[in-house]
Amino acid sequence: MTLSSTSSVIEPARFREALGHYASGITVISSLDEGEPVGFTCQSFYSVSMNPPLVSFSVKSSSFSYPRIRRAGRFAVNILSAEQEAISNLFARQGADKWKDVQWQASPLGNPIIPGSLRWLDCEIHAEHAAGDHLIVIGEVRALNVKETTASRPLLYFRGEYCDIAEQSTQIHASQNR
C-alpha cells in the first residue's frame, strides 16, 4: 500500500473538506448571562465520561457568545431535531438577536432550553483547554431530560449541508428495489 506524500503544512480548506465527511449532530449551546439568553450552534459536541457524567464541545477562541457563557459558569446543550434546521441557522449567525423570536424555558440551572429539541443536558463548566484557534470546554452534567418529544430524528450535518437519515434511507431502499 502506497500512501501519498504528506506535507508538514495542511491547507485549511483541504482540512475542512476532509472533516466534512464526518457526519455530526447539531446542538445549540445556551446559557443565561445577566438575565439575557446567549447561545450558538455547535456541531463539535461529544460525551467524555460516564462517571462523573462529562460532555465537551469546542468553540472558536474568537467567539462572541462563549465569554458570556464562561462568565455564567454553566450551559445547556440543546440536541436539535431534524425539524429545527431554522434554529441551527439562526444560532450560527454572529451578532444577530438570536433569541428575538425563539421561545425557551429555564432548565434546573437556569439555562435556556429550546422546545422541540430531542434532548437537553444542563451542565456546569468543569474545565477549559486552549487548542489551536479553539477552546475545548468540558461540562459536568447536573440535569437532563428523559421525556420523549414529538421530534424523532436528529439534525445532522454532512459535507457542508444538513441531511436527513430517514430521507437517505428511503432513497437507498427505493434504488435497491428498482
C-alpha atoms as a PDB file:
ATOM      1  CA  MET A   1       0.000   0.000   0.000  1.00  0.00           C
ATOM      2  CA  THR A   2       1.390   3.343  -1.022  1.00  0.00           C
ATOM      3  CA  LEU A   3       0.456   6.463   0.854  1.00  0.00           C
ATOM      4  CA  SER A   4       0.578   9.807  -0.830  1.00  0.00           C
ATOM      5  CA  SER A   5       3.331  12.042   0.400  1.00  0.00           C
ATOM      6  CA  THR A   6       2.459  14.145   3.369  1.00  0.00           C
ATOM      7  CA  SER A   7       3.272  17.748   3.822  1.00  0.00           C
ATOM      8  CA  SER A   8       4.023  19.407   7.111  1.00  0.00           C
ATOM      9  CA  VAL A   9       1.513  22.098   6.168  1.00  0.00           C
ATOM     10  CA  ILE A  10      -2.150  21.141   5.858  1.00  0.00           C
ATOM     11  CA  GLU A  11      -4.171  23.688   3.933  1.00  0.00           C
ATOM     12  CA  PRO A  12      -7.216  24.807   5.977  1.00  0.00           C
ATOM     13  CA  ALA A  13      -9.612  24.404   3.029  1.00  0.00           C
ATOM     14  CA  ARG A  14      -8.491  20.803   2.403  1.00  0.00           C
ATOM     15  CA  PHE A  15      -8.622  20.019   6.118  1.00  0.00           C
ATOM     16  CA  ARG A  16     -12.164  21.408   6.356  1.00  0.00           C
ATOM     17  CA  GLU A  17     -13.238  19.430   3.272  1.00  0.00           C
ATOM     18  CA  ALA A  18     -11.838  16.193   4.708  1.00  0.00           C
ATOM     19  CA  LEU A  19     -13.546  16.729   8.062  1.00  0.00           C
ATOM     20  CA  GLY A  20     -16.807  17.489   6.259  1.00  0.00           C
ATOM     21  CA  HIS A  21     -17.061  13.784   5.546  1.00  0.00           C
ATOM     22  CA  TYR A  22     -17.646  13.090   9.215  1.00  0.00           C
ATOM     23  CA  ALA A  23     -21.377  13.346   9.895  1.00  0.00           C
ATOM     24  CA  SER A  24     -22.272  15.075  13.133  1.00  0.00           C
ATOM     25  CA  GLY A  25     -25.295  16.059  15.118  1.00  0.00           C
ATOM     26  CA  ILE A  26     -26.136  19.693  15.694  1.00  0.00           C
ATOM     27  CA  THR A  27     -26.630  21.331  19.078  1.00  0.00           C
ATOM     28  CA  VAL A  28     -27.237  24.788  20.437  1.00  0.00           C
ATOM     29  CA  ILE A  29     -25.107  25.610  23.463  1.00  0.00           C
ATOM     30  CA  SER A  30     -27.035  28.097  25.605  1.00  0.00           C
ATOM     31  CA  SER A  31     -26.718  29.978  28.868  1.00  0.00           C
ATOM     32  CA  LEU A  32     -28.147  32.932  30.739  1.00  0.00           C
ATOM     33  CA  ASP A  33     -25.804  35.862  31.370  1.00  0.00           C
ATOM     34  CA  GLU A  34     -27.020  38.788  33.465  1.00  0.00           C
ATOM     35  CA  GLY A  35     -30.614  37.816  32.712  1.00  0.00           C
ATOM     36  CA  GLU A  36     -30.106  37.612  28.947  1.00  0.00           C
ATOM     37  CA  PRO A  37     -30.075  34.337  26.987  1.00  0.00           C
ATOM     38  CA  VAL A  38     -26.983  33.641  24.924  1.00  0.00           C
ATOM     39  CA  GLY A  39     -26.162  30.737  22.616  1.00  0.00           C
ATOM     40  CA  PHE A  40     -24.552  29.403  19.482  1.00  0.00           C
ATOM     41  CA  THR A  41     -24.841  26.474  17.078  1.00  0.00           C
ATOM     42  CA  CYS A  42     -22.274  23.769  17.732  1.00  0.00           C
ATOM     43  CA  GLN A  43     -21.540  20.537  15.879  1.00  0.00           C
ATOM     44  CA  SER A  44     -18.404  19.637  17.865  1.00  0.00           C
ATOM     45  CA  PHE A  45     -20.241  18.170  20.864  1.00  0.00           C
ATOM     46  CA  TYR A  46     -19.462  14.756  22.366  1.00  0.00           C
ATOM     47  CA  SER A  47     -19.547  12.692  25.533  1.00  0.00           C
ATOM     48  CA  VAL A  48     -16.376  12.430  27.614  1.00  0.00           C
ATOM     49  CA  SER A  49     -17.092  10.350  30.723  1.00  0.00           C
ATOM     50  CA  MET A  50     -19.916   8.379  32.297  1.00  0.00           C
ATOM     51  CA  ASN A  51     -18.639   8.720  35.871  1.00  0.00           C
ATOM     52  CA  PRO A  52     -18.658  11.581  36.509  1.00  0.00           C
ATOM     53  CA  PRO A  53     -21.014  12.493  33.647  1.00  0.00           C
ATOM     54  CA  LEU A  54     -18.935  14.810  31.462  1.00  0.00           C
ATOM     55  CA  VAL A  55     -19.548  16.223  27.989  1.00  0.00           C
ATOM     56  CA  SER A  56     -17.480  18.525  25.809  1.00  0.00           C
ATOM     57  CA  PHE A  57     -17.721  20.960  22.940  1.00  0.00           C
ATOM     58  CA  SER A  58     -15.241  23.069  21.015  1.00  0.00           C
ATOM     59  CA  VAL A  59     -15.724  26.740  20.263  1.00  0.00           C
ATOM     60  CA  LYS A  60     -13.657  29.318  18.375  1.00  0.00           C
ATOM     61  CA  SER A  61     -11.415  31.338  20.682  1.00  0.00           C
ATOM     62  CA  SER A  62     -12.824  34.462  18.981  1.00  0.00           C
ATOM     63  CA  SER A  63     -16.454  33.553  19.792  1.00  0.00           C
ATOM     64  CA  PHE A  64     -18.659  36.451  20.909  1.00  0.00           C
ATOM     65  CA  SER A  65     -21.050  34.182  22.801  1.00  0.00           C
ATOM     66  CA  TYR A  66     -18.693  31.919  24.708  1.00  0.00           C
ATOM     67  CA  PRO A  67     -17.162  34.571  27.043  1.00  0.00           C
ATOM     68  CA  ARG A  68     -20.684  35.241  28.331  1.00  0.00           C
ATOM     69  CA  ILE A  69     -21.260  31.507  28.857  1.00  0.00           C
ATOM     70  CA  ARG A  70     -17.910  31.254  30.666  1.00  0.00           C
ATOM     71  CA  ARG A  71     -18.944  34.165  32.914  1.00  0.00           C
ATOM     72  CA  ALA A  72     -22.195  32.352  33.758  1.00  0.00           C
ATOM     73  CA  GLY A  73     -20.228  29.187  34.580  1.00  0.00           C
ATOM     74  CA  ARG A  74     -22.907  26.905  33.186  1.00  0.00           C
ATOM     75  CA  PHE A  75     -24.584  25.922  29.922  1.00  0.00           C
ATOM     76  CA  ALA A  76     -27.252  23.738  28.377  1.00  0.00           C
ATOM     77  CA  VAL A  77     -26.786  21.512  25.373  1.00  0.00           C
ATOM     78  CA  ASN A  78     -29.927  21.505  23.211  1.00  0.00           C
ATOM     79  CA  ILE A  79     -29.698  18.465  20.898  1.00  0.00           C
ATOM     80  CA  LEU A  80     -31.555  19.653  17.802  1.00  0.00           C
ATOM     81  CA  SER A  81     -34.142  17.643  15.909  1.00  0.00           C
ATOM     82  CA  ALA A  82     -34.440  17.439  12.122  1.00  0.00           C
ATOM     83  CA  GLU A  83     -37.305  19.942  12.353  1.00  0.00           C
ATOM     84  CA  GLN A  84     -35.011  22.596  13.880  1.00  0.00           C
ATOM     85  CA  GLU A  85     -32.860  23.484  10.873  1.00  0.00           C
ATOM     86  CA  ALA A  86     -34.016  27.116  11.098  1.00  0.00           C
ATOM     87  CA  ILE A  87     -32.927  27.256  14.765  1.00  0.00           C
ATOM     88  CA  SER A  88     -29.499  25.916  13.787  1.00  0.00           C
ATOM     89  CA  ASN A  89     -29.136  28.560  11.067  1.00  0.00           C
ATOM     90  CA  LEU A  90     -30.301  31.333  13.393  1.00  0.00           C
ATOM     91  CA  PHE A  91     -27.831  30.474  16.150  1.00  0.00           C
ATOM     92  CA  ALA A  92     -24.978  30.030  13.654  1.00  0.00           C
ATOM     93  CA  ARG A  93     -25.132  33.754  12.822  1.00  0.00           C
ATOM     94  CA  GLN A  94     -22.907  36.149  14.666  1.00  0.00           C
ATOM     95  CA  GLY A  95     -24.179  39.358  16.184  1.00  0.00           C
ATOM     96  CA  ALA A  96     -27.875  38.807  15.459  1.00  0.00           C
ATOM     97  CA  ASP A  97     -30.564  38.953  18.149  1.00  0.00           C
ATOM     98  CA  LYS A  98     -30.813  35.187  18.111  1.00  0.00           C
ATOM     99  CA  TRP A  99     -33.437  34.910  20.842  1.00  0.00           C
ATOM    100  CA  LYS A 100     -35.857  37.541  19.469  1.00  0.00           C
ATOM    101  CA  ASP A 101     -38.449  35.058  18.149  1.00  0.00           C
ATOM    102  CA  VAL A 102     -37.287  31.902  19.957  1.00  0.00           C
ATOM    103  CA  GLN A 103     -39.391  30.548  22.794  1.00  0.00           C
ATOM    104  CA  TRP A 104     -37.455  28.963  25.637  1.00  0.00           C
ATOM    105  CA  GLN A 105     -37.859  27.736  29.162  1.00  0.00           C
ATOM    106  CA  ALA A 106     -35.375  27.692  32.023  1.00  0.00           C
ATOM    107  CA  SER A 107     -33.560  24.479  32.887  1.00  0.00           C
ATOM    108  CA  PRO A 108     -32.961  23.488  36.524  1.00  0.00           C
ATOM    109  CA  LEU A 109     -29.700  25.516  36.418  1.00  0.00           C
ATOM    110  CA  GLY A 110     -31.473  28.432  34.701  1.00  0.00           C
ATOM    111  CA  ASN A 111     -30.114  27.833  31.199  1.00  0.00           C
ATOM    112  CA  PRO A 112     -32.345  28.352  28.132  1.00  0.00           C
ATOM    113  CA  ILE A 113     -33.923  25.132  26.856  1.00  0.00           C
ATOM    114  CA  ILE A 114     -35.322  25.258  23.317  1.00  0.00           C
ATOM    115  CA  PRO A 115     -38.622  23.362  22.943  1.00  0.00           C
ATOM    116  CA  GLY A 116     -38.639  20.703  20.232  1.00  0.00           C
ATOM    117  CA  SER A 117     -35.053  19.604  20.918  1.00  0.00           C
ATOM    118  CA  LEU A 118     -34.566  15.845  21.076  1.00  0.00           C
ATOM    119  CA  ARG A 119     -32.916  16.111  24.498  1.00  0.00           C
ATOM    120  CA  TRP A 120     -31.135  18.651  26.660  1.00  0.00           C
ATOM    121  CA  LEU A 121     -28.297  18.449  29.142  1.00  0.00           C
ATOM    122  CA  ASP A 122     -27.769  21.000  31.919  1.00  0.00           C
ATOM    123  CA  CYS A 123     -24.076  21.473  32.736  1.00  0.00           C
ATOM    124  CA  GLU A 124     -21.632  23.387  34.884  1.00  0.00           C
ATOM    125  CA  ILE A 125     -18.270  24.264  33.349  1.00  0.00           C
ATOM    126  CA  HIS A 126     -15.765  21.694  34.636  1.00  0.00           C
ATOM    127  CA  ALA A 127     -12.634  22.617  32.622  1.00  0.00           C
ATOM    128  CA  GLU A 128     -11.453  24.581  29.622  1.00  0.00           C
ATOM    129  CA  HIS A 129      -8.396  23.933  27.461  1.00  0.00           C
ATOM    130  CA  ALA A 130      -6.840  26.036  24.709  1.00  0.00           C
ATOM    131  CA  ALA A 131      -6.384  24.056  21.485  1.00  0.00           C
ATOM    132  CA  GLY A 132      -5.141  25.958  18.454  1.00  0.00           C
ATOM    133  CA  ASP A 133      -7.728  28.525  17.407  1.00  0.00           C
ATOM    134  CA  HIS A 134     -10.413  26.863  19.563  1.00  0.00           C
ATOM    135  CA  LEU A 135     -11.231  26.182  23.190  1.00  0.00           C
ATOM    136  CA  ILE A 136     -12.250  22.736  24.404  1.00  0.00           C
ATOM    137  CA  VAL A 137     -14.892  23.130  27.079  1.00  0.00           C
ATOM    138  CA  ILE A 138     -15.791  20.269  29.402  1.00  0.00           C
ATOM    139  CA  GLY A 139     -19.041  20.378  31.321  1.00  0.00           C
ATOM    140  CA  GLU A 140     -20.318  18.268  34.187  1.00  0.00           C
ATOM    141  CA  VAL A 141     -23.916  17.226  33.573  1.00  0.00           C
ATOM    142  CA  ARG A 142     -26.131  18.205  36.512  1.00  0.00           C
ATOM    143  CA  ALA A 143     -29.559  17.550  34.966  1.00  0.00           C
ATOM    144  CA  LEU A 144     -31.043  16.206  31.742  1.00  0.00           C
ATOM    145  CA  ASN A 145     -34.378  15.433  30.196  1.00  0.00           C
ATOM    146  CA  VAL A 146     -35.511  11.893  29.595  1.00  0.00           C
ATOM    147  CA  LYS A 147     -39.014  12.649  28.348  1.00  0.00           C
ATOM    148  CA  GLU A 148     -39.847  11.704  24.781  1.00  0.00           C
ATOM    149  CA  THR A 149     -40.577  14.591  22.436  1.00  0.00           C
ATOM    150  CA  THR A 150     -42.714  14.655  19.336  1.00  0.00           C
ATOM    151  CA  ALA A 151     -39.491  15.008  17.307  1.00  0.00           C
ATOM    152  CA  SER A 152     -37.862  11.702  16.481  1.00  0.00           C
ATOM    153  CA  ARG A 153     -34.919  12.376  14.146  1.00  0.00           C
ATOM    154  CA  PRO A 154     -31.674  14.266  14.786  1.00  0.00           C
ATOM    155  CA  LEU A 155     -30.491  17.255  12.799  1.00  0.00           C
ATOM    156  CA  LEU A 156     -27.339  16.046  11.056  1.00  0.00           C
ATOM    157  CA  TYR A 157     -24.618  17.859   9.135  1.00  0.00           C
ATOM    158  CA  PHE A 158     -22.569  16.142   6.405  1.00  0.00           C
ATOM    159  CA  ARG A 159     -20.367  17.512   3.621  1.00  0.00           C
ATOM    160  CA  GLY A 160     -21.341  21.103   4.296  1.00  0.00           C
ATOM    161  CA  GLU A 161     -25.101  20.646   4.425  1.00  0.00           C
ATOM    162  CA  TYR A 162     -27.908  19.293   6.528  1.00  0.00           C
ATOM    163  CA  CYS A 163     -29.013  15.770   5.809  1.00  0.00           C
ATOM    164  CA  ASP A 164     -31.887  13.584   6.927  1.00  0.00           C
ATOM    165  CA  ILE A 165     -31.056   9.949   7.643  1.00  0.00           C
ATOM    166  CA  ALA A 166     -34.663   8.853   7.193  1.00  0.00           C
ATOM    167  CA  GLU A 167     -34.786  10.504   3.755  1.00  0.00           C
ATOM    168  CA  GLN A 168     -31.414   8.981   2.806  1.00  0.00           C
ATOM    169  CA  SER A 169     -32.571   5.545   3.967  1.00  0.00           C
ATOM    170  CA  THR A 170     -35.762   5.820   1.908  1.00  0.00           C
ATOM    171  CA  GLN A 171     -33.802   6.850  -1.204  1.00  0.00           C
ATOM    172  CA  ILE A 172     -31.336   3.960  -0.764  1.00  0.00           C
ATOM    173  CA  HIS A 173     -34.172   1.482  -0.216  1.00  0.00           C
ATOM    174  CA  ALA A 174     -36.027   2.752  -3.288  1.00  0.00           C
ATOM    175  CA  SER A 175     -32.948   2.482  -5.517  1.00  0.00           C
ATOM    176  CA  GLN A 176     -32.296  -1.083  -4.298  1.00  0.00           C
ATOM    177  CA  ASN A 177     -35.853  -2.132  -5.198  1.00  0.00           C
ATOM    178  CA  ARG A 178     -35.689  -0.952  -8.821  1.00  0.00           C
END
